[in-house]
């Protein structure tokens, strides 16, 4: 299944990310340092969002979320991602996602939970974690679950659009975006599970087993 915006968005992001990655490597900044700095920035932006400053929160989170592409690009330019770097990146992504959706749920709870937005935020958070888990677990089992209509980039963009709409005074904007995101995240979970099931190889015949005999009698 094709992603919603991943291909065109990543092409645009790469235009600015590649020169930045080369510059940071040249001055001695490591990919892991960028990963940690990006997560700290997302936490700060999430705090702004929780306090009701939706536009500032969205801008800050979006700016620092772009480091998710930056650190990976830097690692590739250095010759490949280390195992610890991959673990750190995944762990920081989960922490950042929890901060974003936790902040949104906190803000909406303080606003009286308009349109059930807090519930949608919690569903989006939970389903988003499962989306990531299914892919990681499938890979550890030798299966392929790298599909889905709403991966992390799409999820952040959708909640970002909702934050901008809410910050512009449209009370329905953020809850509406969250309900759309909750639905797409749940769909993505099942897309990955179904795809992983289809990629599982057929079990090999047990050692020493013989093909089933033809039951049709043959003439003597």
C-alpha atoms as a PDB file:
ATOM      1  CA  UNK A   1       0.000   0.000   0.000  1.00  0.00           C
ATOM      2  CA  UNK A   2       1.345   3.422  -0.889  1.00  0.00           C
ATOM      3  CA  UNK A   3       1.861   5.963   1.855  1.00  0.00           C
ATOM      4  CA  UNK A   4      -0.167   9.174   1.745  1.00  0.00           C
ATOM      5  CA  UNK A   5       2.606  11.734   1.381  1.00  0.00           C
ATOM      6  CA  UNK A   6       5.830   9.917   2.130  1.00  0.00           C
ATOM      7  CA  UNK A   7       7.414   9.874  -1.330  1.00  0.00           C
ATOM      8  CA  UNK A   8       6.841  13.530  -2.342  1.00  0.00           C
ATOM      9  CA  UNK A   9       7.435  14.819   1.194  1.00  0.00           C
ATOM     10  CA  UNK A  10      10.721  12.992   1.592  1.00  0.00           C
ATOM     11  CA  UNK A  11      11.890  14.249  -1.794  1.00  0.00           C
ATOM     12  CA  UNK A  12      11.254  17.838  -0.711  1.00  0.00           C
ATOM     13  CA  UNK A  13      12.834  17.312   2.720  1.00  0.00           C
ATOM     14  CA  UNK A  14      15.927  15.698   1.207  1.00  0.00           C
ATOM     15  CA  UNK A  15      16.600  18.864  -0.798  1.00  0.00           C
ATOM     16  CA  UNK A  16      17.414  20.704   2.421  1.00  0.00           C
ATOM     17  CA  UNK A  17      18.482  17.778   4.590  1.00  0.00           C
ATOM     18  CA  UNK A  18      21.440  16.548   2.539  1.00  0.00           C
ATOM     19  CA  UNK A  19      23.469  19.814   2.656  1.00  0.00           C
ATOM     20  CA  UNK A  20      22.665  20.221   6.351  1.00  0.00           C
ATOM     21  CA  UNK A  21      23.761  16.664   7.093  1.00  0.00           C
ATOM     22  CA  UNK A  22      27.078  17.183   5.300  1.00  0.00           C
ATOM     23  CA  UNK A  23      27.681  20.438   7.201  1.00  0.00           C
ATOM     24  CA  UNK A  24      26.988  18.901  10.621  1.00  0.00           C
ATOM     25  CA  UNK A  25      29.262  15.953   9.929  1.00  0.00           C
ATOM     26  CA  UNK A  26      31.979  18.339   8.799  1.00  0.00           C
ATOM     27  CA  UNK A  27      31.920  20.203  12.129  1.00  0.00           C
ATOM     28  CA  UNK A  28      31.928  16.982  14.154  1.00  0.00           C
ATOM     29  CA  UNK A  29      28.267  16.557  15.133  1.00  0.00           C
ATOM     30  CA  UNK A  30      27.216  12.904  15.404  1.00  0.00           C
ATOM     31  CA  UNK A  31      23.898  11.407  14.240  1.00  0.00           C
ATOM     32  CA  UNK A  32      23.132  10.284  17.801  1.00  0.00           C
ATOM     33  CA  UNK A  33      23.544  13.845  19.070  1.00  0.00           C
ATOM     34  CA  UNK A  34      21.072  15.041  16.442  1.00  0.00           C
ATOM     35  CA  UNK A  35      18.615  12.300  17.457  1.00  0.00           C
ATOM     36  CA  UNK A  36      18.713  13.371  21.104  1.00  0.00           C
ATOM     37  CA  UNK A  37      18.548  17.094  20.271  1.00  0.00           C
ATOM     38  CA  UNK A  38      15.541  16.498  18.037  1.00  0.00           C
ATOM     39  CA  UNK A  39      13.708  14.642  20.793  1.00  0.00           C
ATOM     40  CA  UNK A  40      14.394  17.418  23.293  1.00  0.00           C
ATOM     41  CA  UNK A  41      13.019  19.931  20.792  1.00  0.00           C
ATOM     42  CA  UNK A  42       9.848  17.871  20.308  1.00  0.00           C
ATOM     43  CA  UNK A  43       9.393  17.709  24.096  1.00  0.00           C
ATOM     44  CA  UNK A  44       9.661  21.490  24.299  1.00  0.00           C
ATOM     45  CA  UNK A  45       7.157  21.936  21.466  1.00  0.00           C
ATOM     46  CA  UNK A  46       4.813  19.458  23.129  1.00  0.00           C
ATOM     47  CA  UNK A  47       4.901  21.529  26.320  1.00  0.00           C
ATOM     48  CA  UNK A  48       3.846  24.614  24.353  1.00  0.00           C
ATOM     49  CA  UNK A  49       0.979  22.625  22.839  1.00  0.00           C
ATOM     50  CA  UNK A  50      -0.136  21.314  26.226  1.00  0.00           C
ATOM     51  CA  UNK A  51      -0.269  24.881  27.519  1.00  0.00           C
ATOM     52  CA  UNK A  52      -2.598  25.855  24.672  1.00  0.00           C
ATOM     53  CA  UNK A  53      -0.071  27.508  22.347  1.00  0.00           C
ATOM     54  CA  UNK A  54      -1.027  25.250  19.461  1.00  0.00           C
ATOM     55  CA  UNK A  55       0.591  27.155  16.611  1.00  0.00           C
ATOM     56  CA  UNK A  56       3.920  27.603  18.404  1.00  0.00           C
ATOM     57  CA  UNK A  57       3.801  23.998  19.559  1.00  0.00           C
ATOM     58  CA  UNK A  58       3.116  22.755  16.033  1.00  0.00           C
ATOM     59  CA  UNK A  59       5.909  24.850  14.511  1.00  0.00           C
ATOM     60  CA  UNK A  60       8.475  23.715  17.093  1.00  0.00           C
ATOM     61  CA  UNK A  61       7.484  20.037  16.921  1.00  0.00           C
ATOM     62  CA  UNK A  62       7.521  20.064  13.108  1.00  0.00           C
ATOM     63  CA  UNK A  63      10.936  21.734  12.964  1.00  0.00           C
ATOM     64  CA  UNK A  64      12.537  19.265  15.341  1.00  0.00           C
ATOM     65  CA  UNK A  65      10.696  16.249  13.930  1.00  0.00           C
ATOM     66  CA  UNK A  66      12.620  16.830  10.701  1.00  0.00           C
ATOM     67  CA  UNK A  67      15.725  15.615  12.531  1.00  0.00           C
ATOM     68  CA  UNK A  68      14.252  12.137  12.080  1.00  0.00           C
ATOM     69  CA  UNK A  69      15.311  12.419   8.451  1.00  0.00           C
ATOM     70  CA  UNK A  70      18.493  14.335   9.258  1.00  0.00           C
ATOM     71  CA  UNK A  71      20.107  11.822  11.615  1.00  0.00           C
ATOM     72  CA  UNK A  72      19.414   8.927   9.252  1.00  0.00           C
ATOM     73  CA  UNK A  73      20.940  10.830   6.346  1.00  0.00           C
ATOM     74  CA  UNK A  74      24.024  11.636   8.432  1.00  0.00           C
ATOM     75  CA  UNK A  75      24.400   7.982   9.397  1.00  0.00           C
ATOM     76  CA  UNK A  76      24.226   6.873   5.760  1.00  0.00           C
ATOM     77  CA  UNK A  77      26.805   9.475   4.774  1.00  0.00           C
ATOM     78  CA  UNK A  78      29.122   8.078   7.455  1.00  0.00           C
ATOM     79  CA  UNK A  79      28.813   4.596   5.992  1.00  0.00           C
ATOM     80  CA  UNK A  80      25.755   3.109   7.640  1.00  0.00           C
ATOM     81  CA  UNK A  81      23.628   3.176  10.765  1.00  0.00           C
ATOM     82  CA  UNK A  82      25.031   1.443  13.843  1.00  0.00           C
ATOM     83  CA  UNK A  83      22.833  -0.986  15.756  1.00  0.00           C
ATOM     84  CA  UNK A  84      22.839   1.281  18.804  1.00  0.00           C
ATOM     85  CA  UNK A  85      22.027   4.275  16.626  1.00  0.00           C
ATOM     86  CA  UNK A  86      19.011   2.463  15.198  1.00  0.00           C
ATOM     87  CA  UNK A  87      17.871   1.483  18.705  1.00  0.00           C
ATOM     88  CA  UNK A  88      18.329   5.028  19.995  1.00  0.00           C
ATOM     89  CA  UNK A  89      16.441   6.499  17.045  1.00  0.00           C
ATOM     90  CA  UNK A  90      13.464   4.148  17.486  1.00  0.00           C
ATOM     91  CA  UNK A  91      13.366   4.724  21.241  1.00  0.00           C
ATOM     92  CA  UNK A  92      13.470   8.514  20.884  1.00  0.00           C
ATOM     93  CA  UNK A  93      10.727   8.364  18.231  1.00  0.00           C
ATOM     94  CA  UNK A  94       8.437   6.517  20.644  1.00  0.00           C
ATOM     95  CA  UNK A  95       9.189   9.036  23.399  1.00  0.00           C
ATOM     96  CA  UNK A  96       8.547  11.978  21.077  1.00  0.00           C
ATOM     97  CA  UNK A  97       5.258  10.512  19.829  1.00  0.00           C
ATOM     98  CA  UNK A  98       4.088   9.927  23.398  1.00  0.00           C
ATOM     99  CA  UNK A  99       4.913  13.536  24.275  1.00  0.00           C
ATOM    100  CA  UNK A 100       3.053  14.952  21.267  1.00  0.00           C
ATOM    101  CA  UNK A 101      -0.154  12.991  21.732  1.00  0.00           C
ATOM    102  CA  UNK A 102      -0.011  13.212  25.503  1.00  0.00           C
ATOM    103  CA  UNK A 103       0.232  17.002  25.201  1.00  0.00           C
ATOM    104  CA  UNK A 104      -2.683  17.115  22.773  1.00  0.00           C
ATOM    105  CA  UNK A 105      -4.828  14.950  25.089  1.00  0.00           C
ATOM    106  CA  UNK A 106      -3.915  17.163  28.061  1.00  0.00           C
ATOM    107  CA  UNK A 107      -4.836  20.321  26.151  1.00  0.00           C
ATOM    108  CA  UNK A 108      -8.164  18.927  24.958  1.00  0.00           C
ATOM    109  CA  UNK A 109      -9.040  17.661  28.437  1.00  0.00           C
ATOM    110  CA  UNK A 110      -8.564  21.192  29.733  1.00  0.00           C
ATOM    111  CA  UNK A 111     -10.838  22.495  26.983  1.00  0.00           C
ATOM    112  CA  UNK A 112     -13.655  20.131  27.996  1.00  0.00           C
ATOM    113  CA  UNK A 113     -12.772  17.398  25.466  1.00  0.00           C
ATOM    114  CA  UNK A 114     -14.543  18.999  22.475  1.00  0.00           C
ATOM    115  CA  UNK A 115     -15.867  16.510  19.916  1.00  0.00           C
ATOM    116  CA  UNK A 116     -14.266  13.669  21.865  1.00  0.00           C
ATOM    117  CA  UNK A 117     -10.822  14.828  20.748  1.00  0.00           C
ATOM    118  CA  UNK A 118      -9.062  13.565  23.872  1.00  0.00           C
ATOM    119  CA  UNK A 119     -10.362  10.049  23.204  1.00  0.00           C
ATOM    120  CA  UNK A 120      -9.176  10.284  19.590  1.00  0.00           C
ATOM    121  CA  UNK A 121      -5.748  11.443  20.786  1.00  0.00           C
ATOM    122  CA  UNK A 122      -5.415   8.448  23.102  1.00  0.00           C
ATOM    123  CA  UNK A 123      -6.515   6.055  20.353  1.00  0.00           C
ATOM    124  CA  UNK A 124      -4.011   7.650  17.965  1.00  0.00           C
ATOM    125  CA  UNK A 125      -1.236   7.343  20.544  1.00  0.00           C
ATOM    126  CA  UNK A 126      -1.988   3.700  21.315  1.00  0.00           C
ATOM    127  CA  UNK A 127      -2.493   2.668  17.686  1.00  0.00           C
ATOM    128  CA  UNK A 128       0.638   4.553  16.609  1.00  0.00           C
ATOM    129  CA  UNK A 129       2.730   2.610  19.118  1.00  0.00           C
ATOM    130  CA  UNK A 130       1.243  -0.661  17.839  1.00  0.00           C
ATOM    131  CA  UNK A 131       1.959   0.363  14.218  1.00  0.00           C
ATOM    132  CA  UNK A 132       5.649   0.696  15.079  1.00  0.00           C
ATOM    133  CA  UNK A 133       5.680  -2.458  17.198  1.00  0.00           C
ATOM    134  CA  UNK A 134       4.158  -4.642  14.482  1.00  0.00           C
ATOM    135  CA  UNK A 135       6.840  -3.609  11.990  1.00  0.00           C
ATOM    136  CA  UNK A 136       9.692  -4.139  14.459  1.00  0.00           C
ATOM    137  CA  UNK A 137       8.355  -7.488  15.673  1.00  0.00           C
ATOM    138  CA  UNK A 138       7.703  -8.695  12.133  1.00  0.00           C
ATOM    139  CA  UNK A 139      11.260  -7.858  11.116  1.00  0.00           C
ATOM    140  CA  UNK A 140      12.628  -9.758  14.119  1.00  0.00           C
ATOM    141  CA  UNK A 141      10.647 -12.810  12.949  1.00  0.00           C
ATOM    142  CA  UNK A 142      11.845 -12.520   9.363  1.00  0.00           C
ATOM    143  CA  UNK A 143       8.543 -11.163   8.035  1.00  0.00           C
ATOM    144  CA  UNK A 144       7.811  -8.014   6.053  1.00  0.00           C
ATOM    145  CA  UNK A 145       5.407  -5.430   7.484  1.00  0.00           C
ATOM    146  CA  UNK A 146       6.800  -2.319   5.798  1.00  0.00           C
ATOM    147  CA  UNK A 147       3.431  -1.147   4.479  1.00  0.00           C
ATOM    148  CA  UNK A 148       0.633   1.087   5.672  1.00  0.00           C
ATOM    149  CA  UNK A 149      -1.320   4.160   4.710  1.00  0.00           C
ATOM    150  CA  UNK A 150      -0.219   6.214   7.732  1.00  0.00           C
ATOM    151  CA  UNK A 151       3.341   5.833   8.957  1.00  0.00           C
ATOM    152  CA  UNK A 152       5.066   8.182  11.400  1.00  0.00           C
ATOM    153  CA  UNK A 153       5.568  11.029   8.936  1.00  0.00           C
ATOM    154  CA  UNK A 154       1.912  10.997   7.922  1.00  0.00           C
ATOM    155  CA  UNK A 155       0.766  10.829  11.544  1.00  0.00           C
ATOM    156  CA  UNK A 156       2.817  13.863  12.547  1.00  0.00           C
ATOM    157  CA  UNK A 157       1.643  15.840   9.519  1.00  0.00           C
ATOM    158  CA  UNK A 158      -2.012  15.109  10.244  1.00  0.00           C
ATOM    159  CA  UNK A 159      -1.804  16.129  13.896  1.00  0.00           C
ATOM    160  CA  UNK A 160       0.218  19.181  12.834  1.00  0.00           C
ATOM    161  CA  UNK A 161      -2.524  20.300  10.455  1.00  0.00           C
ATOM    162  CA  UNK A 162      -5.019  19.830  13.267  1.00  0.00           C
ATOM    163  CA  UNK A 163      -2.873  21.912  15.599  1.00  0.00           C
ATOM    164  CA  UNK A 164      -2.699  24.763  13.100  1.00  0.00           C
ATOM    165  CA  UNK A 165      -6.461  24.676  12.573  1.00  0.00           C
ATOM    166  CA  UNK A 166      -7.063  24.662  16.310  1.00  0.00           C
ATOM    167  CA  UNK A 167      -4.593  27.489  16.832  1.00  0.00           C
ATOM    168  CA  UNK A 168      -6.414  29.505  14.177  1.00  0.00           C
ATOM    169  CA  UNK A 169      -9.577  29.360  16.275  1.00  0.00           C
ATOM    170  CA  UNK A 170     -11.349  26.423  14.640  1.00  0.00           C
ATOM    171  CA  UNK A 171     -12.363  24.348  17.659  1.00  0.00           C
ATOM    172  CA  UNK A 172     -13.292  21.364  15.505  1.00  0.00           C
ATOM    173  CA  UNK A 173      -9.974  21.325  13.606  1.00  0.00           C
ATOM    174  CA  UNK A 174      -7.770  19.431  16.060  1.00  0.00           C
ATOM    175  CA  UNK A 175     -10.407  16.852  17.108  1.00  0.00           C
ATOM    176  CA  UNK A 176     -11.316  16.230  13.457  1.00  0.00           C
ATOM    177  CA  UNK A 177      -7.670  15.625  12.537  1.00  0.00           C
ATOM    178  CA  UNK A 178      -7.272  13.278  15.486  1.00  0.00           C
ATOM    179  CA  UNK A 179     -10.320  11.198  14.576  1.00  0.00           C
ATOM    180  CA  UNK A 180      -9.031  10.875  11.006  1.00  0.00           C
ATOM    181  CA  UNK A 181      -5.638   9.905  12.382  1.00  0.00           C
ATOM    182  CA  UNK A 182      -7.112   7.378  14.816  1.00  0.00           C
ATOM    183  CA  UNK A 183      -8.958   5.646  11.965  1.00  0.00           C
ATOM    184  CA  UNK A 184      -5.944   5.622   9.652  1.00  0.00           C
ATOM    185  CA  UNK A 185      -3.654   4.332  12.411  1.00  0.00           C
ATOM    186  CA  UNK A 186      -5.959   1.403  13.146  1.00  0.00           C
ATOM    187  CA  UNK A 187      -6.189   0.619   9.430  1.00  0.00           C
ATOM    188  CA  UNK A 188      -2.387   0.665   9.238  1.00  0.00           C
ATOM    189  CA  UNK A 189      -2.090  -1.836  12.104  1.00  0.00           C
ATOM    190  CA  UNK A 190      -4.249  -4.349  10.233  1.00  0.00           C
ATOM    191  CA  UNK A 191      -2.540  -3.619   6.909  1.00  0.00           C
ATOM    192  CA  UNK A 192       0.788  -4.552   8.464  1.00  0.00           C
ATOM    193  CA  UNK A 193      -0.535  -7.655  10.174  1.00  0.00           C
ATOM    194  CA  UNK A 194      -2.186  -8.930   6.998  1.00  0.00           C
ATOM    195  CA  UNK A 195       0.879  -8.174   4.857  1.00  0.00           C
ATOM    196  CA  UNK A 196       3.203  -9.851   7.353  1.00  0.00           C
ATOM    197  CA  UNK A 197       1.009 -12.951   7.343  1.00  0.00           C
ATOM    198  CA  UNK A 198       1.173 -13.125   3.558  1.00  0.00           C
ATOM    199  CA  UNK A 199       4.972 -12.918   3.544  1.00  0.00           C
ATOM    200  CA  UNK A 200       5.484 -15.856   5.901  1.00  0.00           C
ATOM    201  CA  UNK A 201       7.120 -18.699   3.935  1.00  0.00           C
ATOM    202  CA  UNK A 202       5.344 -22.035   3.791  1.00  0.00           C
ATOM    203  CA  UNK A 203       6.691 -24.514   6.379  1.00  0.00           C
ATOM    204  CA  UNK A 204       9.223 -26.975   5.024  1.00  0.00           C
ATOM    205  CA  UNK A 205       8.228 -30.668   4.987  1.00  0.00           C
ATOM    206  CA  UNK A 206       9.353 -32.575   8.053  1.00  0.00           C
ATOM    207  CA  UNK A 207      12.524 -34.618   7.636  1.00  0.00           C
ATOM    208  CA  UNK A 208      11.812 -38.103   6.412  1.00  0.00           C
ATOM    209  CA  UNK A 209       8.253 -37.365   5.375  1.00  0.00           C
ATOM    210  CA  UNK A 210       6.975 -38.868   2.151  1.00  0.00           C
ATOM    211  CA  UNK A 211       4.545 -37.381  -0.365  1.00  0.00           C
ATOM    212  CA  UNK A 212       0.996 -38.594   0.045  1.00  0.00           C
ATOM    213  CA  UNK A 213       0.358 -41.715  -2.006  1.00  0.00           C
ATOM    214  CA  UNK A 214      -2.048 -41.600  -4.902  1.00  0.00           C
ATOM    215  CA  UNK A 215      -5.221 -43.236  -3.671  1.00  0.00           C
ATOM    216  CA  UNK A 216      -6.306 -44.279  -7.163  1.00  0.00           C
ATOM    217  CA  UNK A 217      -5.734 -47.997  -7.715  1.00  0.00           C
ATOM    218  CA  UNK A 218      -3.499 -49.005 -10.601  1.00  0.00           C
ATOM    219  CA  UNK A 219      -4.093 -52.109 -12.729  1.00  0.00           C
ATOM    220  CA  UNK A 220      -2.063 -55.207 -11.866  1.00  0.00           C
END
